[in-house]
Every structure is written in structure tokens, then in C-alpha cells.
């Protein structure tokens, strides 16, 4: 999926919720019971990640991430 100018790949057990107006995204489980990570852009348009729990972040390239869980 694309999140502004970033490509973010994620496993099927994760579901993104995007707030385009505020340039934010929360990634939850498919059941919407746990937040795994929140992403947002700062005032300089840098991507800022706020990992919560059980999330692996893999950098695949320039502006390309993969999100997975341990379970």
C-alpha cells in the first residue's frame, strides 16, 4: 500500500487506518483489538514511527517498509 510517498507492505493479519488530512496511519490487528504501530509525518515531512508492541519493521529500500508481527 502507499502512504503518501512511502510504500508500506504488511502481512494480512494487519489492517491500516489512514487519516489523510493529518497524514497519520494506525496499524491494527484485523479484529481491531490492538494497535501495533502509528505512523505520521512531522513538520519537515519526515516519517515518524511509534511502534507499540509485537511489530517488526524491515527497511526494504528508499521509502519502502515491510511490517510483520511475531505471531
Protein backbone atom coordinates (compact mmCIF):
# COMPACT_ATOMS: atom_id res chain seq x y z
CA UNK A 1 0.00 0.00 0.00
CA UNK A 2 1.05 3.61 -0.49
CA UNK A 3 1.16 6.03 2.40
CA UNK A 4 1.81 9.35 0.69
CA UNK A 5 5.26 8.89 -0.91
CA UNK A 6 6.10 5.70 1.06
CA UNK A 7 5.45 2.09 0.02
CA UNK A 8 4.41 0.00 3.03
CA UNK A 9 3.97 -3.75 2.75
CA UNK A 10 2.24 -5.57 5.58
CA UNK A 11 1.07 -9.05 6.42
CA UNK A 12 -2.62 -9.91 6.04
CA UNK A 13 -3.13 -10.02 9.82
CA UNK A 14 -2.66 -6.22 9.97
CA UNK A 15 -5.18 -3.57 8.94
CA UNK A 16 -4.32 0.11 8.30
CA UNK A 17 -6.48 3.11 9.17
CA UNK A 18 -5.38 6.27 7.38
CA UNK A 19 -6.12 9.88 8.30
CA UNK A 20 -5.12 11.66 5.08
CA UNK A 21 -5.91 15.14 6.37
CA UNK A 22 -3.40 14.83 9.26
CA UNK A 23 -1.01 12.47 7.41
CA UNK A 24 -1.32 9.72 10.03
CA UNK A 25 -1.85 6.00 9.96
CA UNK A 26 -2.58 3.45 12.68
CA UNK A 27 -1.99 -0.24 12.02
CA UNK A 28 -4.22 -2.59 14.00
CA UNK A 29 -4.99 -6.29 14.01
CA UNK A 30 -7.79 -7.43 11.69
CA UNK A 31 -10.05 -7.69 14.75
CA UNK A 32 -9.31 -4.04 15.66
CA UNK A 33 -8.33 -5.04 19.19
CA UNK A 34 -4.66 -3.96 19.30
CA UNK A 35 -2.67 -1.07 17.83
CA UNK A 36 0.72 -2.32 16.62
CA UNK A 37 2.19 0.92 15.24
CA UNK A 38 1.26 4.50 14.43
CA UNK A 39 2.96 6.46 11.66
CA UNK A 40 2.85 10.17 10.95
CA UNK A 41 4.75 12.94 9.22
CA UNK A 42 6.45 15.67 11.21
CA UNK A 43 6.67 19.37 10.31
CA UNK A 44 9.64 18.61 7.98
CA UNK A 45 7.70 15.86 6.19
CA UNK A 46 9.82 13.09 7.77
CA UNK A 47 8.09 9.80 8.53
CA UNK A 48 7.91 9.19 12.29
CA UNK A 49 7.07 5.71 13.59
CA UNK A 50 5.58 4.97 17.00
CA UNK A 51 5.79 1.18 17.49
CA UNK A 52 3.60 -0.24 20.25
CA UNK A 53 4.17 -3.98 20.57
CA UNK A 54 4.67 -7.14 18.52
CA UNK A 55 5.75 -5.31 15.36
CA UNK A 56 8.79 -5.87 13.17
CA UNK A 57 9.86 -3.08 10.82
CA UNK A 58 12.04 -4.04 7.87
CA UNK A 59 13.53 -1.39 5.59
CA UNK A 60 13.35 -2.73 2.04
CA UNK A 61 14.68 0.36 0.27
CA UNK A 62 14.31 4.09 -0.04
CA UNK A 63 10.84 4.92 1.32
CA UNK A 64 9.86 1.23 1.34
CA UNK A 65 8.98 -0.62 4.57
CA UNK A 66 7.59 -4.01 5.48
CA UNK A 67 5.56 -4.53 8.69
CA UNK A 68 5.21 -8.00 10.20
CA UNK A 69 4.34 -9.46 13.60
CA UNK A 70 5.87 -12.24 15.67
CA UNK A 71 2.64 -14.22 15.71
